[in-house]
Structure formats: C-alpha cells, structure tokens
Amino acid sequence: MVWESGRALVTGGASFIGSHLVDELLERTTQIRIVDDLSSGKLENIQDHIDAGSVEFHKADLLTPGVAEDLGFLVVSPPRFGRPLAGPSPPALASSRDPFPTS
C-alpha cells in the first residue's frame, strides 16, 4: 500500500502506541487526523506534531452519540457491541440487511 499523499485517521493517537503509529505515518507524508479522549493517552506524546501543524487533533470520544458526525465522519450503521466476529448470529440479530452475514 502506498501511503504518500494519503490520509489516515488514528483513534487513540495520543497513547503510547498510537503516537508511535502517528510518527511512522508522518514519515510517509500522510495527512493525519487524530481523535483521542485522552483517557489514557497524553497530549505531550503528540504535542510536537500539533505545534508543527503536522496533524489535526480532536479531543473527543467516538463512542459518544453524534461525535463522529460532528467531526465529519459518515456513520453507516450503529455499532453492535457484544456481537461475536465469527459464528452464527443469534436469531434476534439475523437480518437480510446484516452487513456481516453469517450464512
């Protein structure tokens, strides 16, 4: 995958691991948007990038209703927490419009 002149969203980008991912992406001249609620991340991990204008930072929690839309993200469907990634769906969750069909 070619990252030059690409765009990336890094959620949790102020965390230890997220900030290192941001560092790597910036070496590939990627435009980066970081969304982090700073519950475990630290702004100091990315402060140099913010000061340099290398990243666009938003302090927000994407689980809060409306936040993703306020930041300009297209939300296609609500998340289904607790649903297994593999295996049959419980009958109550089965739907002909299921984006992750199991059969």
N, C-alpha and C. Protein backbone atom coordinates (compact mmCIF):
# COMPACT_ATOMS: atom_id res chain seq x y z
N MET A 1 0.84 -1.18 0.00
CA MET A 1 0.00 0.00 0.00
C MET A 1 0.88 1.24 0.00
N VAL A 2 0.54 2.19 -0.83
CA VAL A 2 1.29 3.44 -0.92
C VAL A 2 0.63 4.48 -0.02
N TRP A 3 1.38 5.03 0.91
CA TRP A 3 0.84 6.00 1.86
C TRP A 3 1.14 7.43 1.48
N GLU A 4 1.99 7.65 0.50
CA GLU A 4 2.34 9.02 0.15
C GLU A 4 1.11 9.79 -0.31
N SER A 5 0.95 10.98 0.22
CA SER A 5 -0.17 11.86 -0.08
C SER A 5 -1.50 11.25 0.32
N GLY A 6 -1.48 10.27 1.18
CA GLY A 6 -2.72 9.65 1.66
C GLY A 6 -3.22 10.33 2.90
N ARG A 7 -4.35 9.85 3.40
CA ARG A 7 -4.93 10.38 4.63
C ARG A 7 -5.16 9.22 5.58
N ALA A 8 -5.03 9.52 6.87
CA ALA A 8 -5.23 8.47 7.87
C ALA A 8 -5.93 9.07 9.09
N LEU A 9 -6.78 8.25 9.70
CA LEU A 9 -7.40 8.58 10.97
C LEU A 9 -6.79 7.66 12.00
N VAL A 10 -6.26 8.24 13.07
CA VAL A 10 -5.69 7.43 14.15
C VAL A 10 -6.52 7.70 15.40
N THR A 11 -7.30 6.70 15.80
CA THR A 11 -8.05 6.83 17.04
C THR A 11 -7.13 6.39 18.17
N GLY A 12 -7.16 7.13 19.26
CA GLY A 12 -6.24 6.84 20.35
C GLY A 12 -4.82 7.24 20.00
N GLY A 13 -4.68 8.23 19.15
CA GLY A 13 -3.37 8.64 18.65
C GLY A 13 -2.46 9.31 19.66
N ALA A 14 -2.97 9.68 20.83
CA ALA A 14 -2.13 10.29 21.86
C ALA A 14 -1.60 9.24 22.83
N SER A 15 -1.99 7.99 22.65
CA SER A 15 -1.49 6.92 23.51
C SER A 15 -0.05 6.59 23.12
N PHE A 16 0.59 5.76 23.92
CA PHE A 16 1.97 5.38 23.63
C PHE A 16 2.08 4.73 22.25
N ILE A 17 1.28 3.71 22.01
CA ILE A 17 1.34 3.01 20.73
C ILE A 17 0.80 3.89 19.61
N GLY A 18 -0.33 4.56 19.86
CA GLY A 18 -0.92 5.42 18.83
C GLY A 18 0.02 6.53 18.39
N SER A 19 0.75 7.12 19.33
CA SER A 19 1.66 8.21 18.96
C SER A 19 2.83 7.70 18.13
N HIS A 20 3.26 6.47 18.38
CA HIS A 20 4.32 5.89 17.54
C HIS A 20 3.81 5.58 16.14
N LEU A 21 2.55 5.17 16.04
CA LEU A 21 1.93 4.97 14.73
C LEU A 21 1.87 6.30 13.98
N VAL A 22 1.50 7.36 14.68
CA VAL A 22 1.47 8.69 14.07
C VAL A 22 2.87 9.07 13.57
N ASP A 23 3.90 8.83 14.38
CA ASP A 23 5.27 9.13 13.95
C ASP A 23 5.60 8.42 12.64
N GLU A 24 5.26 7.14 12.55
CA GLU A 24 5.56 6.35 11.35
C GLU A 24 4.77 6.87 10.14
N LEU A 25 3.51 7.17 10.35
CA LEU A 25 2.70 7.67 9.24
C LEU A 25 3.21 9.02 8.74
N LEU A 26 3.65 9.87 9.65
CA LEU A 26 4.17 11.17 9.23
C LEU A 26 5.43 11.04 8.39
N GLU A 27 6.22 10.00 8.60
CA GLU A 27 7.40 9.78 7.77
C GLU A 27 7.02 9.46 6.34
N ARG A 28 5.78 9.07 6.14
CA ARG A 28 5.29 8.73 4.81
C ARG A 28 4.45 9.87 4.23
N THR A 29 4.60 11.06 4.78
CA THR A 29 3.91 12.29 4.35
C THR A 29 2.40 12.12 4.25
N THR A 30 1.85 11.40 5.19
CA THR A 30 0.40 11.20 5.23
C THR A 30 -0.27 12.33 5.99
N GLN A 31 -1.45 12.76 5.53
CA GLN A 31 -2.25 13.72 6.29
C GLN A 31 -2.94 12.93 7.39
N ILE A 32 -2.80 13.39 8.62
CA ILE A 32 -3.29 12.61 9.75
C ILE A 32 -4.27 13.40 10.59
N ARG A 33 -5.37 12.74 10.90
CA ARG A 33 -6.35 13.27 11.85
C ARG A 33 -6.32 12.33 13.04
N ILE A 34 -6.17 12.90 14.23
CA ILE A 34 -6.12 12.12 15.47
C ILE A 34 -7.36 12.45 16.29
N VAL A 35 -8.04 11.40 16.74
CA VAL A 35 -9.17 11.56 17.66
C VAL A 35 -8.83 10.76 18.91
N ASP A 36 -8.80 11.44 20.04
CA ASP A 36 -8.46 10.79 21.30
C ASP A 36 -9.17 11.53 22.42
N ASP A 37 -9.73 10.78 23.37
CA ASP A 37 -10.39 11.44 24.50
C ASP A 37 -9.42 11.68 25.65
N LEU A 38 -8.17 11.30 25.48
CA LEU A 38 -7.10 11.50 26.47
C LEU A 38 -7.39 10.80 27.79
N SER A 39 -8.21 9.74 27.76
CA SER A 39 -8.47 8.99 28.99
C SER A 39 -7.25 8.18 29.41
N SER A 40 -6.47 7.75 28.44
CA SER A 40 -5.22 7.06 28.78
C SER A 40 -4.03 7.62 28.01
N GLY A 41 -4.31 8.33 26.93
CA GLY A 41 -3.23 8.96 26.16
C GLY A 41 -2.81 10.28 26.79
N LYS A 42 -1.68 10.77 26.32
CA LYS A 42 -1.16 12.04 26.83
C LYS A 42 -0.90 12.97 25.65
N LEU A 43 -1.39 14.18 25.78
CA LEU A 43 -1.21 15.16 24.72
C LEU A 43 0.27 15.40 24.44
N GLU A 44 1.10 15.28 25.47
CA GLU A 44 2.54 15.50 25.29
C GLU A 44 3.15 14.52 24.29
N ASN A 45 2.52 13.35 24.08
CA ASN A 45 3.04 12.39 23.12
C ASN A 45 2.97 12.88 21.68
N ILE A 46 2.04 13.81 21.41
CA ILE A 46 1.87 14.31 20.04
C ILE A 46 1.97 15.82 19.96
N GLN A 47 2.32 16.47 21.06
CA GLN A 47 2.33 17.94 21.11
C GLN A 47 3.23 18.55 20.04
N ASP A 48 4.38 17.95 19.79
CA ASP A 48 5.28 18.50 18.77
C ASP A 48 4.62 18.49 17.39
N HIS A 49 3.88 17.44 17.09
CA HIS A 49 3.19 17.34 15.80
C HIS A 49 2.07 18.36 15.71
N ILE A 50 1.37 18.58 16.83
CA ILE A 50 0.30 19.58 16.85
C ILE A 50 0.89 20.96 16.64
N ASP A 51 1.95 21.28 17.39
CA ASP A 51 2.60 22.59 17.28
C ASP A 51 3.13 22.85 15.88
N ALA A 52 3.61 21.80 15.22
CA ALA A 52 4.16 21.94 13.88
C ALA A 52 3.07 21.98 12.80
N GLY A 53 1.83 21.70 13.21
CA GLY A 53 0.74 21.68 12.24
C GLY A 53 0.75 20.43 11.37
N SER A 54 1.44 19.39 11.82
CA SER A 54 1.57 18.16 11.05
C SER A 54 0.35 17.25 11.16
N VAL A 55 -0.43 17.45 12.22
CA VAL A 55 -1.61 16.62 12.45
C VAL A 55 -2.79 17.50 12.82
N GLU A 56 -3.97 16.96 12.63
CA GLU A 56 -5.20 17.61 13.07
C GLU A 56 -5.69 16.81 14.27
N PHE A 57 -5.77 17.45 15.44
CA PHE A 57 -6.13 16.74 16.66
C PHE A 57 -7.51 17.16 17.14
N HIS A 58 -8.31 16.16 17.55
CA HIS A 58 -9.63 16.40 18.13
C HIS A 58 -9.72 15.63 19.44
N LYS A 59 -9.97 16.34 20.54
CA LYS A 59 -10.19 15.67 21.82
C LYS A 59 -11.66 15.29 21.86
N ALA A 60 -11.92 14.00 21.70
CA ALA A 60 -13.30 13.53 21.65
C ALA A 60 -13.34 12.03 21.90
N ASP A 61 -14.52 11.57 22.29
CA ASP A 61 -14.78 10.15 22.48
C ASP A 61 -15.74 9.72 21.37
N LEU A 62 -15.27 8.88 20.46
CA LEU A 62 -16.09 8.48 19.33
C LEU A 62 -17.29 7.62 19.72
N LEU A 63 -17.33 7.14 20.95
CA LEU A 63 -18.48 6.38 21.41
C LEU A 63 -19.64 7.27 21.85
N THR A 64 -19.37 8.56 22.00
CA THR A 64 -20.42 9.50 22.38
C THR A 64 -21.30 9.77 21.15
N PRO A 65 -22.62 9.56 21.29
CA PRO A 65 -23.50 9.79 20.14
C PRO A 65 -23.33 11.17 19.54
N GLY A 66 -23.21 11.22 18.22
CA GLY A 66 -23.10 12.47 17.49
C GLY A 66 -21.69 12.97 17.27
N VAL A 67 -20.72 12.48 18.03
CA VAL A 67 -19.35 13.00 17.91
C VAL A 67 -18.76 12.68 16.54
N ALA A 68 -18.93 11.46 16.08
CA ALA A 68 -18.35 11.08 14.78
C ALA A 68 -18.93 11.97 13.68
N GLU A 69 -20.23 12.19 13.72
CA GLU A 69 -20.86 13.04 12.70
C GLU A 69 -20.37 14.48 12.82
N ASP A 70 -20.21 14.99 14.05
CA ASP A 70 -19.71 16.35 14.25
C ASP A 70 -18.31 16.54 13.68
N LEU A 71 -17.53 15.46 13.66
CA LEU A 71 -16.17 15.53 13.13
C LEU A 71 -16.13 15.27 11.62
N GLY A 72 -17.29 15.06 11.03
CA GLY A 72 -17.36 14.89 9.59
C GLY A 72 -17.26 13.46 9.10
N PHE A 73 -17.45 12.50 9.99
CA PHE A 73 -17.40 11.10 9.58
C PHE A 73 -18.78 10.64 9.16
N LEU A 74 -18.82 9.79 8.18
CA LEU A 74 -20.07 9.18 7.75
C LEU A 74 -20.29 7.93 8.58
N VAL A 75 -21.37 7.89 9.31
CA VAL A 75 -21.69 6.71 10.13
C VAL A 75 -22.75 5.93 9.38
N VAL A 76 -22.38 4.74 8.94
CA VAL A 76 -23.26 3.94 8.10
C VAL A 76 -24.30 3.21 8.93
N SER A 77 -23.89 2.59 10.03
CA SER A 77 -24.83 1.88 10.88
C SER A 77 -24.32 1.92 12.30
N PRO A 78 -25.21 1.80 13.27
CA PRO A 78 -24.76 1.81 14.67
C PRO A 78 -23.95 0.57 14.99
N PRO A 79 -22.99 0.69 15.91
CA PRO A 79 -22.19 -0.48 16.27
C PRO A 79 -23.02 -1.51 17.00
N ARG A 80 -22.62 -2.74 16.88
CA ARG A 80 -23.29 -3.84 17.58
C ARG A 80 -22.31 -4.42 18.59
N PHE A 81 -22.31 -3.83 19.77
CA PHE A 81 -21.39 -4.28 20.80
C PHE A 81 -21.79 -5.65 21.31
N GLY A 82 -20.81 -6.46 21.59
CA GLY A 82 -21.05 -7.77 22.16
C GLY A 82 -21.33 -8.85 21.14
N ARG A 83 -21.40 -8.51 19.88
CA ARG A 83 -21.66 -9.50 18.84
C ARG A 83 -20.35 -10.19 18.48
N PRO A 84 -20.35 -11.51 18.40
CA PRO A 84 -19.12 -12.22 18.03
C PRO A 84 -18.73 -11.91 16.59
N LEU A 85 -17.42 -11.93 16.33
CA LEU A 85 -16.94 -11.66 14.98
C LEU A 85 -17.12 -12.87 14.07
N ALA A 86 -17.22 -14.06 14.64
CA ALA A 86 -17.39 -15.26 13.85
C ALA A 86 -18.46 -16.12 14.49
N GLY A 87 -19.04 -16.99 13.71
CA GLY A 87 -20.05 -17.89 14.24
C GLY A 87 -21.43 -17.40 13.92
N PRO A 88 -22.43 -18.22 14.20
CA PRO A 88 -23.80 -17.85 13.84
C PRO A 88 -24.32 -16.71 14.69
N SER A 89 -25.15 -15.89 14.08
CA SER A 89 -25.79 -14.79 14.81
C SER A 89 -26.97 -15.33 15.57
N PRO A 90 -27.24 -14.78 16.74
CA PRO A 90 -28.47 -15.15 17.42
C PRO A 90 -29.66 -14.78 16.53
N PRO A 91 -30.75 -15.52 16.55
CA PRO A 91 -31.88 -15.23 15.67
C PRO A 91 -32.38 -13.79 15.77
N ALA A 92 -32.31 -13.19 16.95
CA ALA A 92 -32.80 -11.82 17.11
C ALA A 92 -31.96 -10.82 16.32
N LEU A 93 -30.69 -11.14 16.02
CA LEU A 93 -29.83 -10.22 15.28
C LEU A 93 -29.81 -10.52 13.79
N ALA A 94 -30.32 -11.66 13.39
CA ALA A 94 -30.30 -12.02 11.97
C ALA A 94 -31.19 -11.07 11.19
N SER A 95 -30.72 -10.65 10.04
CA SER A 95 -31.46 -9.71 9.21
C SER A 95 -30.99 -9.84 7.78
N SER A 96 -31.88 -9.59 6.85
CA SER A 96 -31.47 -9.63 5.44
C SER A 96 -30.57 -8.44 5.11
N ARG A 97 -30.55 -7.44 5.97
CA ARG A 97 -29.69 -6.27 5.74
C ARG A 97 -28.45 -6.31 6.63
N ASP A 98 -28.12 -7.45 7.15
CA ASP A 98 -26.96 -7.62 8.03
C ASP A 98 -25.68 -7.40 7.23
N PRO A 99 -24.85 -6.42 7.58
CA PRO A 99 -23.63 -6.15 6.83
C PRO A 99 -22.58 -7.25 7.01
N PHE A 100 -22.76 -8.12 7.99
CA PHE A 100 -21.83 -9.22 8.23
C PHE A 100 -22.59 -10.54 8.27
N PRO A 101 -23.10 -10.98 7.12
CA PRO A 101 -23.90 -12.20 7.12
C PRO A 101 -23.07 -13.39 7.57
N THR A 102 -23.72 -14.31 8.26
CA THR A 102 -23.03 -15.49 8.78
C THR A 102 -23.36 -16.74 8.00
N SER A 103 -24.24 -16.65 7.04
CA SER A 103 -24.56 -17.83 6.23
C SER A 103 -24.55 -17.50 4.76
